Amino acid sequence: MRIIGGKLKGIRMSAPASLPVRPTTDMAKEALFNILYNTYDFDSCSVLDLFSGTGNISIEFASRGIKEVTAVDKHSGCIYWLKSVIDKYDLNEISLQKADVFKFLEQHNKKYQIIFADPPYDLTNIPQIPRLVDQNKLLTENGILVVEHPSLLKLKDEPGFKETRRYGNSSFSFFEYTP
């Protein structure tokens, strides 16, 4: 994986091949960060990165000066890898949570400006993510949830749906705060 912006721009990291991940492509990541960076003041944002895997998105946020990132993943290898990257590059703005994402969302109550979820594409309960975020009011009033998912999956009927942007076989669906 390659960091495409900020203080770590251009750094390439090779996560262990044994990790059960499908990293967001550079093209899709660049498009996503262009959207978010032009909408939010990263200096004052808090971010929740669900199914963080290698930490590709968390590291990209930290590189670009985000105030605080909480990365959640249940795989020990992913947590261990991301912890090593945090230590190596002194990315203290990233905090790690080893947890099942769905249980985490059911029990968590902190609000975030940006929530990013990149679940395994074979999960059948991906639509639960926007439902749980909405139900537990985890977004700030101007907040956004971005769910990366297979382009064949449609999430337009979920609470707060705003739009979907397609990048090949992957899509980002955006959800806004609902009162």
C-alpha atoms as a PDB file:
ATOM      1  CA  MET A   1       0.000   0.000   0.000  1.00  0.00           C
ATOM      2  CA  ARG A   2       1.088   3.540  -0.716  1.00  0.00           C
ATOM      3  CA  ILE A   3       0.314   6.715   1.236  1.00  0.00           C
ATOM      4  CA  ILE A   4      -0.911   9.266  -1.305  1.00  0.00           C
ATOM      5  CA  GLY A   5      -0.993  12.512   0.685  1.00  0.00           C
ATOM      6  CA  GLY A   6       0.255  14.437   3.700  1.00  0.00           C
ATOM      7  CA  LYS A   7       3.425  14.081   5.724  1.00  0.00           C
ATOM      8  CA  LEU A   8       3.916  10.402   4.773  1.00  0.00           C
ATOM      9  CA  LYS A   9       3.123  10.925   1.076  1.00  0.00           C
ATOM     10  CA  GLY A  10       4.878   8.416  -1.165  1.00  0.00           C
ATOM     11  CA  ILE A  11       5.771   5.931   1.561  1.00  0.00           C
ATOM     12  CA  ARG A  12       5.083   2.335   0.569  1.00  0.00           C
ATOM     13  CA  MET A  13       4.265  -0.248   3.195  1.00  0.00           C
ATOM     14  CA  SER A  14       4.063  -3.992   2.695  1.00  0.00           C
ATOM     15  CA  ALA A  15       1.647  -5.602   5.096  1.00  0.00           C
ATOM     16  CA  PRO A  16       2.038  -9.333   5.720  1.00  0.00           C
ATOM     17  CA  ALA A  17       0.405 -11.400   2.974  1.00  0.00           C
ATOM     18  CA  SER A  18      -1.291 -13.516   5.656  1.00  0.00           C
ATOM     19  CA  LEU A  19      -3.684 -10.717   6.651  1.00  0.00           C
ATOM     20  CA  PRO A  20      -7.293 -11.230   5.514  1.00  0.00           C
ATOM     21  CA  VAL A  21      -7.615  -7.871   3.745  1.00  0.00           C
ATOM     22  CA  ARG A  22      -8.586  -6.257   0.456  1.00  0.00           C
ATOM     23  CA  PRO A  23      -7.056  -2.764   0.615  1.00  0.00           C
ATOM     24  CA  THR A  24      -8.813   0.184  -0.995  1.00  0.00           C
ATOM     25  CA  THR A  25      -7.195   0.920  -4.358  1.00  0.00           C
ATOM     26  CA  ASP A  26      -5.060   4.038  -4.761  1.00  0.00           C
ATOM     27  CA  MET A  27      -7.477   5.427  -7.379  1.00  0.00           C
ATOM     28  CA  ALA A  28     -10.520   5.011  -5.120  1.00  0.00           C
ATOM     29  CA  LYS A  29      -8.624   6.266  -2.060  1.00  0.00           C
ATOM     30  CA  GLU A  30      -7.466   9.383  -3.892  1.00  0.00           C
ATOM     31  CA  ALA A  31     -11.015  10.138  -5.049  1.00  0.00           C
ATOM     32  CA  LEU A  32     -12.369   9.617  -1.530  1.00  0.00           C
ATOM     33  CA  PHE A  33      -9.794  11.881   0.090  1.00  0.00           C
ATOM     34  CA  ASN A  34     -10.359  14.613  -2.509  1.00  0.00           C
ATOM     35  CA  ILE A  35     -14.032  14.619  -1.519  1.00  0.00           C
ATOM     36  CA  LEU A  36     -13.409  14.535   2.239  1.00  0.00           C
ATOM     37  CA  TYR A  37     -10.472  16.951   2.303  1.00  0.00           C
ATOM     38  CA  ASN A  38     -12.506  19.582   0.448  1.00  0.00           C
ATOM     39  CA  THR A  39     -15.450  19.173   2.834  1.00  0.00           C
ATOM     40  CA  TYR A  40     -13.925  18.828   6.314  1.00  0.00           C
ATOM     41  CA  ASP A  41     -11.292  20.626   8.362  1.00  0.00           C
ATOM     42  CA  PHE A  42      -9.050  17.681   9.189  1.00  0.00           C
ATOM     43  CA  ASP A  43      -7.359  19.608  12.027  1.00  0.00           C
ATOM     44  CA  SER A  44     -10.532  19.335  14.094  1.00  0.00           C
ATOM     45  CA  CYS A  45     -12.070  16.062  12.862  1.00  0.00           C
ATOM     46  CA  SER A  46     -12.447  12.781  14.629  1.00  0.00           C
ATOM     47  CA  VAL A  47     -12.654   9.672  12.446  1.00  0.00           C
ATOM     48  CA  LEU A  48     -13.867   6.135  13.017  1.00  0.00           C
ATOM     49  CA  ASP A  49     -12.301   3.549  10.667  1.00  0.00           C
ATOM     50  CA  LEU A  50     -14.320   0.316  10.747  1.00  0.00           C
ATOM     51  CA  PHE A  51     -12.831  -2.955   9.468  1.00  0.00           C
ATOM     52  CA  SER A  52      -9.516  -1.087   9.422  1.00  0.00           C
ATOM     53  CA  GLY A  53      -7.464  -4.062   8.213  1.00  0.00           C
ATOM     54  CA  THR A  54      -3.938  -2.888   7.370  1.00  0.00           C
ATOM     55  CA  GLY A  55      -4.830   0.625   8.503  1.00  0.00           C
ATOM     56  CA  ASN A  56      -4.525   1.982   4.962  1.00  0.00           C
ATOM     57  CA  ILE A  57      -7.302   4.550   5.523  1.00  0.00           C
ATOM     58  CA  SER A  58      -6.381   5.352   9.150  1.00  0.00           C
ATOM     59  CA  ILE A  59      -2.761   5.986   8.167  1.00  0.00           C
ATOM     60  CA  GLU A  60      -3.866   8.165   5.249  1.00  0.00           C
ATOM     61  CA  PHE A  61      -6.025  10.265   7.607  1.00  0.00           C
ATOM     62  CA  ALA A  62      -3.182  10.576  10.136  1.00  0.00           C
ATOM     63  CA  SER A  63      -0.740  11.536   7.379  1.00  0.00           C
ATOM     64  CA  ARG A  64      -3.081  14.355   6.368  1.00  0.00           C
ATOM     65  CA  GLY A  65      -3.293  15.845   9.862  1.00  0.00           C
ATOM     66  CA  ILE A  66      -6.580  14.457  11.188  1.00  0.00           C
ATOM     67  CA  LYS A  67      -7.030  15.162  14.892  1.00  0.00           C
ATOM     68  CA  GLU A  68      -8.071  11.685  15.997  1.00  0.00           C
ATOM     69  CA  VAL A  69      -8.661   8.276  14.375  1.00  0.00           C
ATOM     70  CA  THR A  70     -10.159   5.220  16.053  1.00  0.00           C
ATOM     71  CA  ALA A  71      -9.366   2.067  14.056  1.00  0.00           C
ATOM     72  CA  VAL A  72     -11.512  -1.006  14.738  1.00  0.00           C
ATOM     73  CA  ASP A  73     -10.797  -4.538  13.553  1.00  0.00           C
ATOM     74  CA  LYS A  74     -11.263  -7.977  15.104  1.00  0.00           C
ATOM     75  CA  HIS A  75      -8.256  -9.670  13.496  1.00  0.00           C
ATOM     76  CA  SER A  76      -5.241  -9.810  15.849  1.00  0.00           C
ATOM     77  CA  GLY A  77      -2.780  -9.796  12.951  1.00  0.00           C
ATOM     78  CA  CYS A  78      -4.269  -6.569  11.561  1.00  0.00           C
ATOM     79  CA  ILE A  79      -4.146  -4.899  14.980  1.00  0.00           C
ATOM     80  CA  TYR A  80      -0.539  -6.031  15.502  1.00  0.00           C
ATOM     81  CA  TRP A  81       0.505  -4.767  12.032  1.00  0.00           C
ATOM     82  CA  LEU A  82      -1.171  -1.384  12.464  1.00  0.00           C
ATOM     83  CA  LYS A  83       0.352  -0.990  15.950  1.00  0.00           C
ATOM     84  CA  SER A  84       3.816  -1.541  14.420  1.00  0.00           C
ATOM     85  CA  VAL A  85       3.136   1.181  11.805  1.00  0.00           C
ATOM     86  CA  ILE A  86       1.824   3.583  14.472  1.00  0.00           C
ATOM     87  CA  ASP A  87       4.996   3.052  16.502  1.00  0.00           C
ATOM     88  CA  LYS A  88       7.344   3.303  13.502  1.00  0.00           C
ATOM     89  CA  TYR A  89       5.887   6.582  12.191  1.00  0.00           C
ATOM     90  CA  ASP A  90       4.813   8.059  15.550  1.00  0.00           C
ATOM     91  CA  LEU A  91       1.133   8.214  14.536  1.00  0.00           C
ATOM     92  CA  ASN A  92      -0.246   8.839  18.031  1.00  0.00           C
ATOM     93  CA  GLU A  93      -3.495  10.237  16.631  1.00  0.00           C
ATOM     94  CA  ILE A  94      -4.539   6.644  15.803  1.00  0.00           C
ATOM     95  CA  SER A  95      -6.020   4.562  18.613  1.00  0.00           C
ATOM     96  CA  LEU A  96      -6.755   0.863  18.138  1.00  0.00           C
ATOM     97  CA  GLN A  97      -9.786  -1.167  19.179  1.00  0.00           C
ATOM     98  CA  LYS A  98      -9.740  -4.944  18.748  1.00  0.00           C
ATOM     99  CA  ALA A  99     -13.439  -5.691  18.423  1.00  0.00           C
ATOM    100  CA  ASP A 100     -16.191  -7.106  16.249  1.00  0.00           C
ATOM    101  CA  VAL A 101     -17.409  -4.036  14.351  1.00  0.00           C
ATOM    102  CA  PHE A 102     -21.116  -4.802  14.718  1.00  0.00           C
ATOM    103  CA  LYS A 103     -20.844  -5.292  18.497  1.00  0.00           C
ATOM    104  CA  PHE A 104     -18.694  -2.166  18.700  1.00  0.00           C
ATOM    105  CA  LEU A 105     -21.352  -0.119  16.851  1.00  0.00           C
ATOM    106  CA  GLU A 106     -24.127  -1.467  19.093  1.00  0.00           C
ATOM    107  CA  GLN A 107     -22.287  -0.493  22.289  1.00  0.00           C
ATOM    108  CA  HIS A 108     -20.432   2.662  21.244  1.00  0.00           C
ATOM    109  CA  ASN A 109     -21.806   6.172  21.750  1.00  0.00           C
ATOM    110  CA  LYS A 110     -19.064   8.631  20.749  1.00  0.00           C
ATOM    111  CA  LYS A 111     -19.844  10.895  17.770  1.00  0.00           C
ATOM    112  CA  TYR A 112     -17.580  11.319  14.740  1.00  0.00           C
ATOM    113  CA  GLN A 113     -17.407  13.732  11.803  1.00  0.00           C
ATOM    114  CA  ILE A 114     -16.266  10.940   9.476  1.00  0.00           C
ATOM    115  CA  ILE A 115     -16.949   7.229   9.723  1.00  0.00           C
ATOM    116  CA  PHE A 116     -15.393   4.968   7.102  1.00  0.00           C
ATOM    117  CA  ALA A 117     -16.313   1.294   6.780  1.00  0.00           C
ATOM    118  CA  ASP A 118     -14.603  -1.167   4.451  1.00  0.00           C
ATOM    119  CA  PRO A 119     -16.169  -4.520   5.363  1.00  0.00           C
ATOM    120  CA  PRO A 120     -15.270  -7.813   3.720  1.00  0.00           C
ATOM    121  CA  TYR A 121     -17.324  -7.934   0.539  1.00  0.00           C
ATOM    122  CA  ASP A 122     -18.716 -11.379   1.355  1.00  0.00           C
ATOM    123  CA  LEU A 123     -20.514 -10.149   4.491  1.00  0.00           C
ATOM    124  CA  THR A 124     -24.274 -10.391   4.088  1.00  0.00           C
ATOM    125  CA  ASN A 125     -25.012  -7.807   6.784  1.00  0.00           C
ATOM    126  CA  ILE A 126     -23.240  -4.783   5.239  1.00  0.00           C
ATOM    127  CA  PRO A 127     -26.567  -2.840   5.216  1.00  0.00           C
ATOM    128  CA  GLN A 128     -26.559  -3.044   9.021  1.00  0.00           C
ATOM    129  CA  ILE A 129     -23.655  -0.601   9.160  1.00  0.00           C
ATOM    130  CA  PRO A 130     -25.620   2.541   8.177  1.00  0.00           C
ATOM    131  CA  ARG A 131     -28.553   1.327  10.279  1.00  0.00           C
ATOM    132  CA  LEU A 132     -26.434   0.950  13.427  1.00  0.00           C
ATOM    133  CA  VAL A 133     -24.643   4.258  12.866  1.00  0.00           C
ATOM    134  CA  ASP A 134     -28.011   5.997  12.471  1.00  0.00           C
ATOM    135  CA  GLN A 135     -29.708   4.146  15.333  1.00  0.00           C
ATOM    136  CA  ASN A 136     -26.899   4.976  17.774  1.00  0.00           C
ATOM    137  CA  LYS A 137     -26.439   8.540  16.451  1.00  0.00           C
ATOM    138  CA  LEU A 138     -22.679   8.130  15.930  1.00  0.00           C
ATOM    139  CA  LEU A 139     -22.364  10.991  13.417  1.00  0.00           C
ATOM    140  CA  THR A 140     -22.068  14.656  14.332  1.00  0.00           C
ATOM    141  CA  GLU A 141     -24.620  16.986  12.715  1.00  0.00           C
ATOM    142  CA  ASN A 142     -22.376  17.630   9.714  1.00  0.00           C
ATOM    143  CA  GLY A 143     -20.931  14.126   9.755  1.00  0.00           C
ATOM    144  CA  ILE A 144     -20.680  11.539   7.011  1.00  0.00           C
ATOM    145  CA  LEU A 145     -20.539   7.766   6.872  1.00  0.00           C
ATOM    146  CA  VAL A 146     -18.751   6.237   3.882  1.00  0.00           C
ATOM    147  CA  VAL A 147     -19.251   2.527   3.230  1.00  0.00           C
ATOM    148  CA  GLU A 148     -17.028   0.823   0.668  1.00  0.00           C
ATOM    149  CA  HIS A 149     -18.833  -2.136  -0.863  1.00  0.00           C
ATOM    150  CA  PRO A 150     -19.132  -4.232  -4.026  1.00  0.00           C
ATOM    151  CA  SER A 151     -20.715  -2.204  -6.812  1.00  0.00           C
ATOM    152  CA  LEU A 152     -23.486  -4.785  -7.212  1.00  0.00           C
ATOM    153  CA  LEU A 153     -24.750  -4.088  -3.665  1.00  0.00           C
ATOM    154  CA  LYS A 154     -27.229  -1.208  -3.485  1.00  0.00           C
ATOM    155  CA  LEU A 155     -27.571   0.722  -0.220  1.00  0.00           C
ATOM    156  CA  LYS A 156     -29.855   3.561  -1.384  1.00  0.00           C
ATOM    157  CA  ASP A 157     -32.711   2.511   0.921  1.00  0.00           C
ATOM    158  CA  GLU A 158     -30.641   2.773   4.116  1.00  0.00           C
ATOM    159  CA  PRO A 159     -31.061   5.711   6.552  1.00  0.00           C
ATOM    160  CA  GLY A 160     -29.276   8.924   5.592  1.00  0.00           C
ATOM    161  CA  PHE A 161     -28.306   7.748   2.101  1.00  0.00           C
ATOM    162  CA  LYS A 162     -26.958  10.598  -0.010  1.00  0.00           C
ATOM    163  CA  GLU A 163     -25.179   9.095  -3.038  1.00  0.00           C
ATOM    164  CA  THR A 164     -23.015   6.276  -4.391  1.00  0.00           C
ATOM    165  CA  ARG A 165     -19.843   6.720  -6.404  1.00  0.00           C
ATOM    166  CA  ARG A 166     -18.527   3.777  -8.359  1.00  0.00           C
ATOM    167  CA  TYR A 167     -14.862   2.917  -8.906  1.00  0.00           C
ATOM    168  CA  GLY A 168     -14.829  -0.299 -10.939  1.00  0.00           C
ATOM    169  CA  ASN A 169     -15.998  -3.252  -8.866  1.00  0.00           C
ATOM    170  CA  SER A 170     -15.993  -1.115  -5.711  1.00  0.00           C
ATOM    171  CA  SER A 171     -18.334   1.688  -4.731  1.00  0.00           C
ATOM    172  CA  PHE A 172     -18.494   4.242  -1.942  1.00  0.00           C
ATOM    173  CA  SER A 173     -21.947   4.969  -0.566  1.00  0.00           C
ATOM    174  CA  PHE A 174     -22.249   8.185   1.443  1.00  0.00           C
ATOM    175  CA  PHE A 175     -24.685   8.659   4.324  1.00  0.00           C
ATOM    176  CA  GLU A 176     -25.444  11.891   6.163  1.00  0.00           C
ATOM    177  CA  TYR A 177     -26.464  12.524   9.735  1.00  0.00           C
ATOM    178  CA  THR A 178     -30.200  12.174  10.266  1.00  0.00           C
ATOM    179  CA  PRO A 179     -31.870  13.987  13.181  1.00  0.00           C
END
